[in-house]
């Protein structure tokens, strides 16, 4: 998934994760994660496929990636983007497991991969080897759409990743889609940063 000569250590990616805001009402076609708070385990649930299984765990009602490495991700198996036009809205609340200088120096990112597809047009292959469009925030606190090193926000202040909420929207604009990612403080709702890009369909 990486360009030649480039290594990106990923600490969490949500692929096609339809994760609604905590305050949102769940309706048909939507999905909201809910992990039990009273247990700790590696298996994260029947709705998901995690890569690699042993690198993820549920702990205190939170999904955690405990190994930093290339392409650690979680695929939601119960939802899939179709070919019809429409809006897409995804949200996730995330944060670092360790707030230290070493974790901040890792060259990685967290966020979403949309339109992930494998070679055989099968959801099982897509969950393991699917390629798509990456959207999120780097470990340096920079929002991006596409590849972090070439499509990040310019001139914006670095975001603190101790506790942050990312919102991604995709809206049709003719033959393309307008992608917008915003970062908010989950406690106050304050807008911390936002970027938009026009992209071709990824499905």
Protein backbone atom coordinates (compact mmCIF):
# COMPACT_ATOMS: atom_id res chain seq x y z
CA UNK A 1 0.00 0.00 0.00
CA UNK A 2 3.03 2.27 0.31
CA UNK A 3 4.94 4.15 -2.27
CA UNK A 4 8.39 2.81 -2.99
CA UNK A 5 10.97 3.98 -0.53
CA UNK A 6 8.35 5.07 1.96
CA UNK A 7 7.51 3.43 5.27
CA UNK A 8 4.49 4.47 7.25
CA UNK A 9 3.86 2.96 10.66
CA UNK A 10 0.14 2.91 11.26
CA UNK A 11 -1.26 2.74 14.78
CA UNK A 12 -4.90 2.60 13.79
CA UNK A 13 -6.98 2.72 10.62
CA UNK A 14 -10.72 2.23 10.36
CA UNK A 15 -11.69 0.89 6.94
CA UNK A 16 -15.25 1.70 5.88
CA UNK A 17 -16.03 2.24 9.52
CA UNK A 18 -19.45 3.84 9.74
CA UNK A 19 -18.92 5.15 13.26
CA UNK A 20 -21.49 7.75 14.19
CA UNK A 21 -21.04 10.50 16.73
CA UNK A 22 -22.00 9.49 20.30
CA UNK A 23 -24.87 11.98 20.21
CA UNK A 24 -26.25 10.76 16.88
CA UNK A 25 -29.48 8.77 16.59
CA UNK A 26 -28.89 5.42 14.87
CA UNK A 27 -31.19 4.86 11.89
CA UNK A 28 -31.38 2.29 9.09
CA UNK A 29 -28.08 1.99 7.22
CA UNK A 30 -26.01 3.48 10.03
CA UNK A 31 -23.63 1.78 12.43
CA UNK A 32 -22.19 2.68 15.79
CA UNK A 33 -19.50 0.74 17.63
CA UNK A 34 -20.11 -0.36 21.22
CA UNK A 35 -17.44 -2.37 23.00
CA UNK A 36 -18.04 -3.72 26.52
CA UNK A 37 -16.28 -1.80 29.30
CA UNK A 38 -15.94 -4.62 31.78
CA UNK A 39 -13.70 -6.97 29.81
CA UNK A 40 -10.33 -7.06 28.05
CA UNK A 41 -9.78 -9.34 25.06
CA UNK A 42 -8.08 -9.61 21.67
CA UNK A 43 -11.17 -10.60 19.63
CA UNK A 44 -13.07 -7.39 18.91
CA UNK A 45 -16.39 -8.79 17.70
CA UNK A 46 -18.20 -10.54 14.82
CA UNK A 47 -18.80 -7.29 12.89
CA UNK A 48 -15.09 -6.62 12.37
CA UNK A 49 -11.97 -8.01 10.75
CA UNK A 50 -8.75 -6.77 12.37
CA UNK A 51 -5.29 -6.87 10.77
CA UNK A 52 -3.40 -8.38 12.50
CA UNK A 53 -5.70 -10.04 15.03
CA UNK A 54 -3.09 -10.16 17.80
CA UNK A 55 -2.23 -6.46 17.42
CA UNK A 56 -5.67 -5.28 18.61
CA UNK A 57 -7.60 -5.50 21.84
CA UNK A 58 -10.69 -4.23 23.58
CA UNK A 59 -9.91 -2.55 26.89
CA UNK A 60 -12.19 -0.40 29.06
CA UNK A 61 -14.73 0.01 26.27
CA UNK A 62 -12.08 1.19 23.80
CA UNK A 63 -10.51 -0.45 20.74
CA UNK A 64 -6.71 -0.26 20.97
CA UNK A 65 -3.89 -1.09 18.57
CA UNK A 66 -0.97 -2.17 20.74
CA UNK A 67 1.63 -2.68 17.97
CA UNK A 68 2.80 0.14 15.72
CA UNK A 69 3.48 -1.16 12.22
CA UNK A 70 2.55 -0.94 8.55
CA UNK A 71 -1.16 -1.20 7.70
CA UNK A 72 -2.71 -2.10 11.04
CA UNK A 73 -6.41 -1.72 10.35
CA UNK A 74 -9.94 -2.75 11.24
CA UNK A 75 -12.53 -3.50 8.56
CA UNK A 76 -16.23 -3.22 9.29
CA UNK A 77 -17.87 -6.26 7.65
CA UNK A 78 -21.52 -5.26 7.97
CA UNK A 79 -21.45 -2.17 5.73
CA UNK A 80 -20.21 -1.57 2.20
CA UNK A 81 -20.20 1.45 -0.11
CA UNK A 82 -22.28 0.93 -3.24
CA UNK A 83 -22.05 2.38 -6.74
CA UNK A 84 -25.06 4.64 -6.33
CA UNK A 85 -24.50 8.32 -5.60
CA UNK A 86 -25.00 9.56 -2.08
CA UNK A 87 -23.44 11.22 0.94
CA UNK A 88 -21.05 9.42 3.29
CA UNK A 89 -20.48 10.48 6.90
CA UNK A 90 -18.01 8.75 9.19
CA UNK A 91 -16.73 9.69 12.64
CA UNK A 92 -14.21 8.23 15.04
CA UNK A 93 -12.82 9.32 18.39
CA UNK A 94 -9.18 8.42 18.90
CA UNK A 95 -6.08 9.16 20.93
CA UNK A 96 -2.58 7.99 21.71
CA UNK A 97 -2.04 5.12 24.11
CA UNK A 98 1.20 6.73 25.26
CA UNK A 99 1.67 10.47 25.52
CA UNK A 100 5.42 10.74 25.15
CA UNK A 101 7.93 12.15 22.70
CA UNK A 102 8.78 8.71 21.30
CA UNK A 103 5.19 8.07 20.20
CA UNK A 104 4.99 11.52 18.61
CA UNK A 105 8.07 10.87 16.47
CA UNK A 106 6.61 7.77 14.77
CA UNK A 107 5.95 8.33 11.07
CA UNK A 108 2.34 7.18 10.89
CA UNK A 109 -1.30 8.18 10.71
CA UNK A 110 -4.77 7.30 11.93
CA UNK A 111 -8.13 7.69 10.27
CA UNK A 112 -10.14 6.05 7.50
CA UNK A 113 -9.68 4.13 4.29
CA UNK A 114 -12.70 4.44 2.01
CA UNK A 115 -13.53 2.40 -1.08
CA UNK A 116 -11.16 -0.41 -0.07
CA UNK A 117 -11.06 -3.13 -2.74
CA UNK A 118 -9.03 -6.29 -3.19
CA UNK A 119 -8.14 -8.05 -6.44
CA UNK A 120 -11.13 -10.41 -6.50
CA UNK A 121 -14.05 -8.05 -5.76
CA UNK A 122 -14.86 -10.05 -2.64
CA UNK A 123 -15.33 -8.53 0.82
CA UNK A 124 -13.03 -11.13 2.43
CA UNK A 125 -10.17 -10.31 0.07
CA UNK A 126 -10.85 -6.57 0.46
CA UNK A 127 -10.66 -6.89 4.25
CA UNK A 128 -7.17 -8.39 4.04
CA UNK A 129 -5.61 -6.74 0.97
CA UNK A 130 -7.98 -3.92 0.02
CA UNK A 131 -6.62 -0.67 -1.39
CA UNK A 132 -8.52 2.58 -1.15
CA UNK A 133 -8.23 6.26 -0.34
CA UNK A 134 -6.65 7.20 2.97
CA UNK A 135 -7.99 10.12 4.98
CA UNK A 136 -6.96 11.09 8.49
CA UNK A 137 -4.38 12.73 10.71
CA UNK A 138 -0.66 12.05 10.92
CA UNK A 139 1.17 11.37 14.15
CA UNK A 140 2.61 14.87 13.70
CA UNK A 141 -0.94 16.26 14.01
CA UNK A 142 -1.54 17.15 10.32
CA UNK A 143 -4.84 16.45 8.55
CA UNK A 144 -4.59 14.91 5.07
CA UNK A 145 -6.64 13.41 2.23
CA UNK A 146 -4.86 10.92 -0.04
CA UNK A 147 -1.18 10.41 0.86
CA UNK A 148 -0.02 12.12 4.08
CA UNK A 149 3.23 13.41 2.64
CA UNK A 150 1.66 15.16 -0.36
CA UNK A 151 -1.94 16.02 0.53
CA UNK A 152 -1.85 17.40 4.05
CA UNK A 153 -3.21 20.71 5.26
CA UNK A 154 -0.85 23.60 4.57
CA UNK A 155 0.05 26.17 7.23
CA UNK A 156 -2.18 24.67 9.92
CA UNK A 157 -1.18 24.28 13.54
CA UNK A 158 -0.31 20.73 14.60
CA UNK A 159 -3.19 18.96 16.37
CA UNK A 160 -2.77 17.31 19.75
CA UNK A 161 -3.69 13.64 19.44
CA UNK A 162 -4.29 12.78 23.08
CA UNK A 163 -8.07 12.89 22.49
CA UNK A 164 -9.56 13.98 19.19
CA UNK A 165 -12.63 13.33 17.06
CA UNK A 166 -12.38 13.03 13.28
CA UNK A 167 -15.36 13.53 10.96
CA UNK A 168 -15.24 12.62 7.28
CA UNK A 169 -17.91 13.58 4.75
CA UNK A 170 -18.10 12.74 1.04
CA UNK A 171 -20.61 14.65 -1.09
CA UNK A 172 -21.16 14.19 -4.85
CA UNK A 173 -20.17 17.13 -7.06
CA UNK A 174 -20.85 16.11 -10.65
CA UNK A 175 -18.62 13.17 -11.53
CA UNK A 176 -16.40 13.69 -8.49
CA UNK A 177 -16.82 13.79 -4.74
CA UNK A 178 -15.93 16.55 -2.33
CA UNK A 179 -14.15 15.03 0.67
CA UNK A 180 -13.93 17.03 3.88
CA UNK A 181 -12.24 15.95 7.08
CA UNK A 182 -12.59 17.94 10.27
CA UNK A 183 -11.05 17.52 13.70
CA UNK A 184 -12.95 18.48 16.84
CA UNK A 185 -12.42 18.49 20.57
CA UNK A 186 -14.79 15.69 21.71
CA UNK A 187 -15.42 17.37 25.07
CA UNK A 188 -16.27 20.89 23.86
CA UNK A 189 -17.09 20.38 20.18
CA UNK A 190 -14.53 23.05 19.22
CA UNK A 191 -13.37 22.87 15.61
CA UNK A 192 -9.62 22.24 15.60
CA UNK A 193 -8.95 21.92 11.89
CA UNK A 194 -10.49 21.11 8.51
CA UNK A 195 -9.46 20.42 4.90
CA UNK A 196 -11.38 19.57 1.72
CA UNK A 197 -10.40 18.01 -1.59
CA UNK A 198 -12.23 17.03 -4.80
CA UNK A 199 -11.61 13.41 -5.72
CA UNK A 200 -12.85 10.93 -8.29
CA UNK A 201 -15.13 8.14 -7.17
CA UNK A 202 -13.24 5.49 -5.22
CA UNK A 203 -15.84 2.69 -5.64
